[in-house]
């Protein structure tokens, strides 16, 4: 029986953590800030449950931690409310206008 080394490419392919770091969804969202103003952000959702968002697709602005107990509520057709357990903060996320 052959042993697999974690330090080589074959080991990386079989490492479950590599798949956890996979981006499963990316795009644009609008989020409301503390003052109720809408901010357009580029986001990347990782398999491990972190939603990272950026200003201008490159300037990291923050993240929202999602997990099995994350509360998500649909407010409108294109709007959801997400509660981040890590920060104990609520976020309002909207699909940007197509215009």
PDB file of N, CA and C in Angstrom:
ATOM      1  N   UNK A   1       0.848  -1.176   0.000  1.00  0.00           N
ATOM      2  CA  UNK A   1       0.000   0.000   0.000  1.00  0.00           C
ATOM      3  C   UNK A   1       0.894   1.240   0.000  1.00  0.00           C
ATOM      4  N   UNK A   2       0.696   2.133  -0.956  1.00  0.00           N
ATOM      5  CA  UNK A   2       1.526   3.329  -1.099  1.00  0.00           C
ATOM      6  C   UNK A   2       1.071   4.408  -0.128  1.00  0.00           C
ATOM      7  N   UNK A   3       2.046   5.105   0.447  1.00  0.00           N
ATOM      8  CA  UNK A   3       1.742   6.215   1.354  1.00  0.00           C
ATOM      9  C   UNK A   3       1.662   7.505   0.561  1.00  0.00           C
ATOM     10  N   UNK A   4       0.728   8.356   0.914  1.00  0.00           N
ATOM     11  CA  UNK A   4       0.603   9.646   0.235  1.00  0.00           C
ATOM     12  C   UNK A   4       1.287  10.712   1.061  1.00  0.00           C
ATOM     13  N   UNK A   5       2.033  11.531   0.397  1.00  0.00           N
ATOM     14  CA  UNK A   5       2.691  12.645   1.054  1.00  0.00           C
ATOM     15  C   UNK A   5       1.800  13.881   0.935  1.00  0.00           C
ATOM     16  N   UNK A   6       1.618  14.569   2.045  1.00  0.00           N
ATOM     17  CA  UNK A   6       0.792  15.772   2.028  1.00  0.00           C
ATOM     18  C   UNK A   6       1.554  16.922   1.381  1.00  0.00           C
ATOM     19  N   UNK A   7       2.880  16.852   1.326  1.00  0.00           N
ATOM     20  CA  UNK A   7       3.679  17.946   0.812  1.00  0.00           C
ATOM     21  C   UNK A   7       3.782  18.019  -0.696  1.00  0.00           C
ATOM     22  N   UNK A   8       3.249  17.043  -1.420  1.00  0.00           N
ATOM     23  CA  UNK A   8       3.354  17.107  -2.881  1.00  0.00           C
ATOM     24  C   UNK A   8       1.986  17.384  -3.504  1.00  0.00           C
ATOM     25  N   UNK A   9       1.947  17.439  -4.816  1.00  0.00           N
ATOM     26  CA  UNK A   9       0.699  17.779  -5.517  1.00  0.00           C
ATOM     27  C   UNK A   9      -0.385  16.742  -5.260  1.00  0.00           C
ATOM     28  N   UNK A  10      -0.033  15.466  -5.232  1.00  0.00           N
ATOM     29  CA  UNK A  10      -1.047  14.435  -4.968  1.00  0.00           C
ATOM     30  C   UNK A  10      -1.643  14.628  -3.572  1.00  0.00           C
ATOM     31  N   UNK A  11      -0.805  14.961  -2.609  1.00  0.00           N
ATOM     32  CA  UNK A  11      -1.291  15.210  -1.257  1.00  0.00           C
ATOM     33  C   UNK A  11      -2.201  16.421  -1.204  1.00  0.00           C
ATOM     34  N   UNK A  12      -1.878  17.466  -1.972  1.00  0.00           N
ATOM     35  CA  UNK A  12      -2.704  18.675  -2.007  1.00  0.00           C
ATOM     36  C   UNK A  12      -4.081  18.369  -2.580  1.00  0.00           C
ATOM     37  N   UNK A  13      -4.136  17.523  -3.616  1.00  0.00           N
ATOM     38  CA  UNK A  13      -5.416  17.191  -4.232  1.00  0.00           C
ATOM     39  C   UNK A  13      -6.307  16.413  -3.276  1.00  0.00           C
ATOM     40  N   UNK A  14      -5.710  15.649  -2.386  1.00  0.00           N
ATOM     41  CA  UNK A  14      -6.493  14.845  -1.455  1.00  0.00           C
ATOM     42  C   UNK A  14      -6.711  15.541  -0.116  1.00  0.00           C
ATOM     43  N   UNK A  15      -6.197  16.716   0.048  1.00  0.00           N
ATOM     44  CA  UNK A  15      -6.340  17.465   1.292  1.00  0.00           C
ATOM     45  C   UNK A  15      -7.718  18.136   1.309  1.00  0.00           C
ATOM     46  N   UNK A  16      -8.570  17.798   2.283  1.00  0.00           N
ATOM     47  CA  UNK A  16      -9.916  18.389   2.312  1.00  0.00           C
ATOM     48  C   UNK A  16      -9.895  19.894   2.531  1.00  0.00           C
ATOM     49  N   UNK A  17      -8.846  20.438   3.143  1.00  0.00           N
ATOM     50  CA  UNK A  17      -8.782  21.879   3.381  1.00  0.00           C
ATOM     51  C   UNK A  17      -8.620  22.664   2.087  1.00  0.00           C
ATOM     52  N   UNK A  18      -8.019  22.049   1.072  1.00  0.00           N
ATOM     53  CA  UNK A  18      -7.861  22.731  -0.212  1.00  0.00           C
ATOM     54  C   UNK A  18      -9.238  23.031  -0.792  1.00  0.00           C
ATOM     55  N   UNK A  19     -10.154  22.094  -0.712  1.00  0.00           N
ATOM     56  CA  UNK A  19     -11.496  22.314  -1.248  1.00  0.00           C
ATOM     57  C   UNK A  19     -12.277  23.314  -0.400  1.00  0.00           C
ATOM     58  N   UNK A  20     -11.986  23.400   0.899  1.00  0.00           N
ATOM     59  CA  UNK A  20     -12.673  24.371   1.749  1.00  0.00           C
ATOM     60  C   UNK A  20     -12.338  25.797   1.333  1.00  0.00           C
ATOM     61  N   UNK A  21     -11.153  26.021   0.788  1.00  0.00           N
ATOM     62  CA  UNK A  21     -10.734  27.353   0.371  1.00  0.00           C
ATOM     63  C   UNK A  21     -11.222  27.712  -1.025  1.00  0.00           C
ATOM     64  N   UNK A  22     -12.011  26.859  -1.615  1.00  0.00           N
ATOM     65  CA  UNK A  22     -12.538  27.078  -2.961  1.00  0.00           C
ATOM     66  C   UNK A  22     -13.609  28.172  -2.942  1.00  0.00           C
ATOM     67  N   UNK A  23     -13.580  29.046  -3.936  1.00  0.00           N
ATOM     68  CA  UNK A  23     -14.624  30.066  -4.091  1.00  0.00           C
ATOM     69  C   UNK A  23     -15.804  29.404  -4.788  1.00  0.00           C
ATOM     70  N   UNK A  24     -16.963  29.432  -4.144  1.00  0.00           N
ATOM     71  CA  UNK A  24     -18.143  28.777  -4.710  1.00  0.00           C
ATOM     72  C   UNK A  24     -19.075  29.768  -5.396  1.00  0.00           C
ATOM     73  N   UNK A  25     -18.935  31.059  -5.079  1.00  0.00           N
ATOM     74  CA  UNK A  25     -19.789  32.072  -5.687  1.00  0.00           C
ATOM     75  C   UNK A  25     -19.069  33.410  -5.597  1.00  0.00           C
ATOM     76  N   UNK A  26     -19.146  34.189  -6.657  1.00  0.00           N
ATOM     77  CA  UNK A  26     -18.544  35.518  -6.675  1.00  0.00           C
ATOM     78  C   UNK A  26     -19.430  36.434  -7.494  1.00  0.00           C
ATOM     79  N   UNK A  27     -19.419  37.708  -7.169  1.00  0.00           N
ATOM     80  CA  UNK A  27     -20.237  38.655  -7.916  1.00  0.00           C
ATOM     81  C   UNK A  27     -20.326  39.971  -7.183  1.00  0.00           C
ATOM     82  N   UNK A  28     -21.346  40.719  -7.482  1.00  0.00           N
ATOM     83  CA  UNK A  28     -21.558  42.019  -6.848  1.00  0.00           C
ATOM     84  C   UNK A  28     -22.770  41.972  -5.939  1.00  0.00           C
ATOM     85  N   UNK A  29     -22.664  42.673  -4.818  1.00  0.00           N
ATOM     86  CA  UNK A  29     -23.799  42.829  -3.908  1.00  0.00           C
ATOM     87  C   UNK A  29     -23.865  44.300  -3.511  1.00  0.00           C
ATOM     88  N   UNK A  30     -24.999  44.679  -3.028  1.00  0.00           N
ATOM     89  CA  UNK A  30     -25.149  45.983  -2.389  1.00  0.00           C
ATOM     90  C   UNK A  30     -25.368  45.685  -0.919  1.00  0.00           C
ATOM     91  N   UNK A  31     -24.660  46.379  -0.071  1.00  0.00           N
ATOM     92  CA  UNK A  31     -24.887  46.205   1.358  1.00  0.00           C
ATOM     93  C   UNK A  31     -25.198  47.555   1.975  1.00  0.00           C
ATOM     94  N   UNK A  32     -25.998  47.533   3.004  1.00  0.00           N
ATOM     95  CA  UNK A  32     -26.312  48.780   3.702  1.00  0.00           C
ATOM     96  C   UNK A  32     -25.296  48.957   4.825  1.00  0.00           C
ATOM     97  N   UNK A  33     -24.757  50.168   4.937  1.00  0.00           N
ATOM     98  CA  UNK A  33     -23.818  50.436   6.018  1.00  0.00           C
ATOM     99  C   UNK A  33     -24.577  50.876   7.267  1.00  0.00           C
ATOM    100  N   UNK A  34     -23.845  51.271   8.296  1.00  0.00           N
ATOM    101  CA  UNK A  34     -24.453  51.665   9.571  1.00  0.00           C
ATOM    102  C   UNK A  34     -25.411  52.834   9.419  1.00  0.00           C
ATOM    103  N   UNK A  35     -25.198  53.673   8.418  1.00  0.00           N
ATOM    104  CA  UNK A  35     -26.012  54.871   8.236  1.00  0.00           C
ATOM    105  C   UNK A  35     -27.171  54.640   7.275  1.00  0.00           C
ATOM    106  N   UNK A  36     -27.350  53.407   6.813  1.00  0.00           N
ATOM    107  CA  UNK A  36     -28.438  53.085   5.905  1.00  0.00           C
ATOM    108  C   UNK A  36     -28.122  53.361   4.447  1.00  0.00           C
ATOM    109  N   UNK A  37     -26.908  53.778   4.159  1.00  0.00           N
ATOM    110  CA  UNK A  37     -26.503  54.026   2.774  1.00  0.00           C
ATOM    111  C   UNK A  37     -26.124  52.713   2.095  1.00  0.00           C
ATOM    112  N   UNK A  38     -26.448  52.642   0.825  1.00  0.00           N
ATOM    113  CA  UNK A  38     -26.161  51.439   0.041  1.00  0.00           C
ATOM    114  C   UNK A  38     -24.756  51.534  -0.548  1.00  0.00           C
ATOM    115  N   UNK A  39     -23.999  50.452  -0.387  1.00  0.00           N
ATOM    116  CA  UNK A  39     -22.647  50.381  -0.929  1.00  0.00           C
ATOM    117  C   UNK A  39     -22.547  49.162  -1.840  1.00  0.00           C
ATOM    118  N   UNK A  40     -22.066  49.360  -3.057  1.00  0.00           N
ATOM    119  CA  UNK A  40     -21.860  48.231  -3.963  1.00  0.00           C
ATOM    120  C   UNK A  40     -20.506  47.617  -3.648  1.00  0.00           C
ATOM    121  N   UNK A  41     -20.488  46.312  -3.486  1.00  0.00           N
ATOM    122  CA  UNK A  41     -19.266  45.593  -3.153  1.00  0.00           C
ATOM    123  C   UNK A  41     -19.146  44.352  -4.029  1.00  0.00           C
ATOM    124  N   UNK A  42     -17.924  43.992  -4.371  1.00  0.00           N
ATOM    125  CA  UNK A  42     -17.632  42.721  -5.025  1.00  0.00           C
ATOM    126  C   UNK A  42     -17.442  41.709  -3.901  1.00  0.00           C
ATOM    127  N   UNK A  43     -17.979  40.503  -4.051  1.00  0.00           N
ATOM    128  CA  UNK A  43     -17.833  39.504  -2.990  1.00  0.00           C
ATOM    129  C   UNK A  43     -17.327  38.184  -3.537  1.00  0.00           C
ATOM    130  N   UNK A  44     -16.751  37.411  -2.644  1.00  0.00           N
ATOM    131  CA  UNK A  44     -16.360  36.026  -2.911  1.00  0.00           C
ATOM    132  C   UNK A  44     -16.846  35.197  -1.736  1.00  0.00           C
ATOM    133  N   UNK A  45     -17.612  34.162  -2.026  1.00  0.00           N
ATOM    134  CA  UNK A  45     -18.103  33.248  -0.994  1.00  0.00           C
ATOM    135  C   UNK A  45     -17.268  31.982  -1.056  1.00  0.00           C
ATOM    136  N   UNK A  46     -16.614  31.662   0.049  1.00  0.00           N
ATOM    137  CA  UNK A  46     -15.746  30.485   0.117  1.00  0.00           C
ATOM    138  C   UNK A  46     -16.513  29.301   0.698  1.00  0.00           C
ATOM    139  N   UNK A  47     -16.101  28.114   0.304  1.00  0.00           N
ATOM    140  CA  UNK A  47     -16.761  26.888   0.750  1.00  0.00           C
ATOM    141  C   UNK A  47     -16.796  26.778   2.272  1.00  0.00           C
ATOM    142  N   UNK A  48     -15.806  27.311   2.963  1.00  0.00           N
ATOM    143  CA  UNK A  48     -15.751  27.198   4.426  1.00  0.00           C
ATOM    144  C   UNK A  48     -16.690  28.181   5.136  1.00  0.00           C
ATOM    145  N   UNK A  49     -17.438  28.995   4.382  1.00  0.00           N
ATOM    146  CA  UNK A  49     -18.483  29.812   4.976  1.00  0.00           C
ATOM    147  C   UNK A  49     -18.145  31.278   5.175  1.00  0.00           C
ATOM    148  N   UNK A  50     -17.068  31.728   4.607  1.00  0.00           N
ATOM    149  CA  UNK A  50     -16.691  33.139   4.739  1.00  0.00           C
ATOM    150  C   UNK A  50     -17.085  33.883   3.469  1.00  0.00           C
ATOM    151  N   UNK A  51     -17.790  34.994   3.615  1.00  0.00           N
ATOM    152  CA  UNK A  51     -18.131  35.857   2.501  1.00  0.00           C
ATOM    153  C   UNK A  51     -17.256  37.098   2.648  1.00  0.00           C
ATOM    154  N   UNK A  52     -16.269  37.251   1.780  1.00  0.00           N
ATOM    155  CA  UNK A  52     -15.367  38.400   1.828  1.00  0.00           C
ATOM    156  C   UNK A  52     -15.837  39.418   0.799  1.00  0.00           C
ATOM    157  N   UNK A  53     -15.827  40.685   1.186  1.00  0.00           N
ATOM    158  CA  UNK A  53     -16.255  41.698   0.235  1.00  0.00           C
ATOM    159  C   UNK A  53     -15.186  42.777   0.078  1.00  0.00           C
ATOM    160  N   UNK A  54     -15.188  43.349  -1.141  1.00  0.00           N
ATOM    161  CA  UNK A  54     -14.132  44.264  -1.560  1.00  0.00           C
ATOM    162  C   UNK A  54     -14.746  45.501  -2.199  1.00  0.00           C
ATOM    163  N   UNK A  55     -14.064  46.628  -2.055  1.00  0.00           N
ATOM    164  CA  UNK A  55     -14.427  47.844  -2.758  1.00  0.00           C
ATOM    165  C   UNK A  55     -13.599  47.861  -4.031  1.00  0.00           C
ATOM    166  N   UNK A  56     -14.203  48.146  -5.149  1.00  0.00           N
ATOM    167  CA  UNK A  56     -13.511  48.211  -6.442  1.00  0.00           C
ATOM    168  C   UNK A  56     -12.805  46.904  -6.811  1.00  0.00           C
ATOM    169  N   UNK A  57     -13.300  45.796  -6.367  1.00  0.00           N
ATOM    170  CA  UNK A  57     -12.803  44.449  -6.688  1.00  0.00           C
ATOM    171  C   UNK A  57     -11.388  44.169  -6.181  1.00  0.00           C
ATOM    172  N   UNK A  58     -10.774  45.074  -5.420  1.00  0.00           N
ATOM    173  CA  UNK A  58      -9.421  44.801  -4.961  1.00  0.00           C
ATOM    174  C   UNK A  58      -9.151  45.250  -3.531  1.00  0.00           C
ATOM    175  N   UNK A  59      -9.830  46.262  -3.052  1.00  0.00           N
ATOM    176  CA  UNK A  59      -9.590  46.763  -1.702  1.00  0.00           C
ATOM    177  C   UNK A  59     -10.477  46.005  -0.710  1.00  0.00           C
ATOM    178  N   UNK A  60      -9.856  45.127   0.077  1.00  0.00           N
ATOM    179  CA  UNK A  60     -10.592  44.315   1.046  1.00  0.00           C
ATOM    180  C   UNK A  60     -11.263  45.230   2.063  1.00  0.00           C
ATOM    181  N   UNK A  61     -12.557  45.020   2.280  1.00  0.00           N
ATOM    182  CA  UNK A  61     -13.301  45.855   3.219  1.00  0.00           C
ATOM    183  C   UNK A  61     -13.790  45.095   4.445  1.00  0.00           C
ATOM    184  N   UNK A  62     -14.059  43.799   4.297  1.00  0.00           N
ATOM    185  CA  UNK A  62     -14.553  43.047   5.445  1.00  0.00           C
ATOM    186  C   UNK A  62     -15.052  41.677   5.051  1.00  0.00           C
ATOM    187  N   UNK A  63     -15.627  40.992   6.038  1.00  0.00           N
ATOM    188  CA  UNK A  63     -16.149  39.650   5.776  1.00  0.00           C
ATOM    189  C   UNK A  63     -17.357  39.385   6.659  1.00  0.00           C
ATOM    190  N   UNK A  64     -18.130  38.428   6.223  1.00  0.00           N
ATOM    191  CA  UNK A  64     -19.301  37.958   6.957  1.00  0.00           C
ATOM    192  C   UNK A  64     -19.108  36.456   7.123  1.00  0.00           C
ATOM    193  N   UNK A  65     -19.169  35.992   8.350  1.00  0.00           N
ATOM    194  CA  UNK A  65     -19.009  34.563   8.614  1.00  0.00           C
ATOM    195  C   UNK A  65     -20.371  33.887   8.581  1.00  0.00           C
ATOM    196  N   UNK A  66     -20.484  32.887   7.716  1.00  0.00           N
ATOM    197  CA  UNK A  66     -21.720  32.121   7.585  1.00  0.00           C
ATOM    198  C   UNK A  66     -21.478  30.711   8.104  1.00  0.00           C
ATOM    199  N   UNK A  67     -22.458  30.145   8.743  1.00  0.00           N
ATOM    200  CA  UNK A  67     -22.331  28.789   9.263  1.00  0.00           C
ATOM    201  C   UNK A  67     -23.674  28.097   9.264  1.00  0.00           C
ATOM    202  N   UNK A  68     -23.713  26.897   9.809  1.00  0.00           N
ATOM    203  CA  UNK A  68     -24.972  26.139   9.797  1.00  0.00           C
ATOM    204  C   UNK A  68     -26.091  26.808  10.590  1.00  0.00           C
ATOM    205  N   UNK A  69     -25.741  27.646  11.556  1.00  0.00           N
ATOM    206  CA  UNK A  69     -26.759  28.301  12.374  1.00  0.00           C
ATOM    207  C   UNK A  69     -26.999  29.758  11.977  1.00  0.00           C
ATOM    208  N   UNK A  70     -26.438  30.182  10.837  1.00  0.00           N
ATOM    209  CA  UNK A  70     -26.606  31.554  10.382  1.00  0.00           C
ATOM    210  C   UNK A  70     -28.073  31.821  10.057  1.00  0.00           C
ATOM    211  N   UNK A  71     -28.563  32.935  10.587  1.00  0.00           N
ATOM    212  CA  UNK A  71     -29.951  33.321  10.325  1.00  0.00           C
ATOM    213  C   UNK A  71     -30.001  34.156   9.055  1.00  0.00           C
ATOM    214  N   UNK A  72     -30.758  33.683   8.067  1.00  0.00           N
ATOM    215  CA  UNK A  72     -30.940  34.386   6.803  1.00  0.00           C
ATOM    216  C   UNK A  72     -32.435  34.588   6.612  1.00  0.00           C
ATOM    217  N   UNK A  73     -32.824  35.848   6.400  1.00  0.00           N
ATOM    218  CA  UNK A  73     -34.240  36.166   6.187  1.00  0.00           C
ATOM    219  C   UNK A  73     -34.399  36.873   4.858  1.00  0.00           C
ATOM    220  N   UNK A  74     -35.403  36.465   4.109  1.00  0.00           N
ATOM    221  CA  UNK A  74     -35.714  37.142   2.850  1.00  0.00           C
ATOM    222  C   UNK A  74     -36.609  38.326   3.177  1.00  0.00           C
ATOM    223  N   UNK A  75     -36.163  39.522   2.780  1.00  0.00           N
ATOM    224  CA  UNK A  75     -36.920  40.742   3.067  1.00  0.00           C
ATOM    225  C   UNK A  75     -37.765  41.132   1.863  1.00  0.00           C
ATOM    226  N   UNK A  76     -37.186  41.018   0.681  1.00  0.00           N
ATOM    227  CA  UNK A  76     -37.873  41.347  -0.563  1.00  0.00           C
ATOM    228  C   UNK A  76     -37.373  40.375  -1.631  1.00  0.00           C
ATOM    229  N   UNK A  77     -37.857  40.556  -2.841  1.00  0.00           N
ATOM    230  CA  UNK A  77     -37.498  39.642  -3.930  1.00  0.00           C
ATOM    231  C   UNK A  77     -35.989  39.546  -4.135  1.00  0.00           C
ATOM    232  N   UNK A  78     -35.283  40.661  -4.000  1.00  0.00           N
ATOM    233  CA  UNK A  78     -33.838  40.676  -4.255  1.00  0.00           C
ATOM    234  C   UNK A  78     -33.032  41.104  -3.024  1.00  0.00           C
ATOM    235  N   UNK A  79     -33.610  40.973  -1.840  1.00  0.00           N
ATOM    236  CA  UNK A  79     -32.951  41.440  -0.619  1.00  0.00           C
ATOM    237  C   UNK A  79     -33.042  40.386   0.481  1.00  0.00           C
ATOM    238  N   UNK A  80     -31.891  40.146   1.141  1.00  0.00           N
ATOM    239  CA  UNK A  80     -31.867  39.233   2.285  1.00  0.00           C
ATOM    240  C   UNK A  80     -31.178  39.912   3.468  1.00  0.00           C
ATOM    241  N   UNK A  81     -31.490  39.431   4.638  1.00  0.00           N
ATOM    242  CA  UNK A  81     -30.849  39.885   5.864  1.00  0.00           C
ATOM    243  C   UNK A  81     -30.058  38.703   6.414  1.00  0.00           C
ATOM    244  N   UNK A  82     -28.771  38.932   6.723  1.00  0.00           N
ATOM    245  CA  UNK A  82     -27.877  37.878   7.216  1.00  0.00           C
ATOM    246  C   UNK A  82     -27.299  38.336   8.542  1.00  0.00           C
ATOM    247  N   UNK A  83     -27.272  37.425   9.516  1.00  0.00           N
ATOM    248  CA  UNK A  83     -26.679  37.736  10.816  1.00  0.00           C
ATOM    249  C   UNK A  83     -25.344  37.020  10.927  1.00  0.00           C
ATOM    250  N   UNK A  84     -24.265  37.799  11.145  1.00  0.00           N
ATOM    251  CA  UNK A  84     -22.920  37.235  11.297  1.00  0.00           C
ATOM    252  C   UNK A  84     -22.706  36.904  12.773  1.00  0.00           C
ATOM    253  N   UNK A  85     -22.566  35.617  13.078  1.00  0.00           N
ATOM    254  CA  UNK A  85     -22.373  35.172  14.455  1.00  0.00           C
ATOM    255  C   UNK A  85     -21.063  35.702  15.035  1.00  0.00           C
ATOM    256  N   UNK A  86     -20.022  35.722  14.217  1.00  0.00           N
ATOM    257  CA  UNK A  86     -18.697  36.126  14.676  1.00  0.00           C
ATOM    258  C   UNK A  86     -18.690  37.582  15.147  1.00  0.00           C
ATOM    259  N   UNK A  87     -19.319  38.472  14.385  1.00  0.00           N
ATOM    260  CA  UNK A  87     -19.330  39.901  14.714  1.00  0.00           C
ATOM    261  C   UNK A  87     -20.576  40.321  15.470  1.00  0.00           C
ATOM    262  N   UNK A  88     -21.551  39.417  15.580  1.00  0.00           N
ATOM    263  CA  UNK A  88     -22.836  39.740  16.194  1.00  0.00           C
ATOM    264  C   UNK A  88     -23.451  40.961  15.517  1.00  0.00           C
ATOM    265  N   UNK A  89     -23.437  40.933  14.185  1.00  0.00           N
ATOM    266  CA  UNK A  89     -23.897  42.063  13.392  1.00  0.00           C
ATOM    267  C   UNK A  89     -24.820  41.574  12.280  1.00  0.00           C
ATOM    268  N   UNK A  90     -25.807  42.380  11.963  1.00  0.00           N
ATOM    269  CA  UNK A  90     -26.753  42.055  10.905  1.00  0.00           C
ATOM    270  C   UNK A  90     -26.373  42.810   9.632  1.00  0.00           C
ATOM    271  N   UNK A  91     -26.439  42.127   8.504  1.00  0.00           N
ATOM    272  CA  UNK A  91     -26.149  42.735   7.200  1.00  0.00           C
ATOM    273  C   UNK A  91     -27.370  42.624   6.321  1.00  0.00           C
ATOM    274  N   UNK A  92     -27.621  43.642   5.527  1.00  0.00           N
ATOM    275  CA  UNK A  92     -28.686  43.616   4.528  1.00  0.00           C
ATOM    276  C   UNK A  92     -27.987  43.556   3.170  1.00  0.00           C
ATOM    277  N   UNK A  93     -28.231  42.506   2.423  1.00  0.00           N
ATOM    278  CA  UNK A  93     -27.608  42.300   1.119  1.00  0.00           C
ATOM    279  C   UNK A  93     -28.662  42.330   0.037  1.00  0.00           C
ATOM    280  N   UNK A  94     -28.370  43.067  -1.025  1.00  0.00           N
ATOM    281  CA  UNK A  94     -29.313  43.230  -2.121  1.00  0.00           C
ATOM    282  C   UNK A  94     -28.650  42.913  -3.445  1.00  0.00           C
ATOM    283  N   UNK A  95     -29.414  42.410  -4.375  1.00  0.00           N
ATOM    284  CA  UNK A  95     -28.922  42.219  -5.731  1.00  0.00           C
ATOM    285  C   UNK A  95     -28.842  43.598  -6.378  1.00  0.00           C
ATOM    286  N   UNK A  96     -27.698  43.930  -7.005  1.00  0.00           N
ATOM    287  CA  UNK A  96     -27.599  45.251  -7.645  1.00  0.00           C
ATOM    288  C   UNK A  96     -28.580  45.396  -8.801  1.00  0.00           C
ATOM    289  N   UNK A  97     -28.936  46.647  -9.098  1.00  0.00           N
ATOM    290  CA  UNK A  97     -29.767  46.938 -10.259  1.00  0.00           C
ATOM    291  C   UNK A  97     -29.072  46.450 -11.512  1.00  0.00           C
ATOM    292  N   UNK A  98     -29.831  46.009 -12.478  1.00  0.00           N
ATOM    293  CA  UNK A  98     -29.240  45.550 -13.748  1.00  0.00           C
ATOM    294  C   UNK A  98     -28.904  46.715 -14.654  1.00  0.00           C
ATOM    295  N   UNK A  99     -29.248  47.931 -14.251  1.00  0.00           N
ATOM    296  CA  UNK A  99     -28.971  49.101 -15.087  1.00  0.00           C
ATOM    297  C   UNK A  99     -27.580  49.626 -14.913  1.00  0.00           C
TER     298      UNK A  99
END
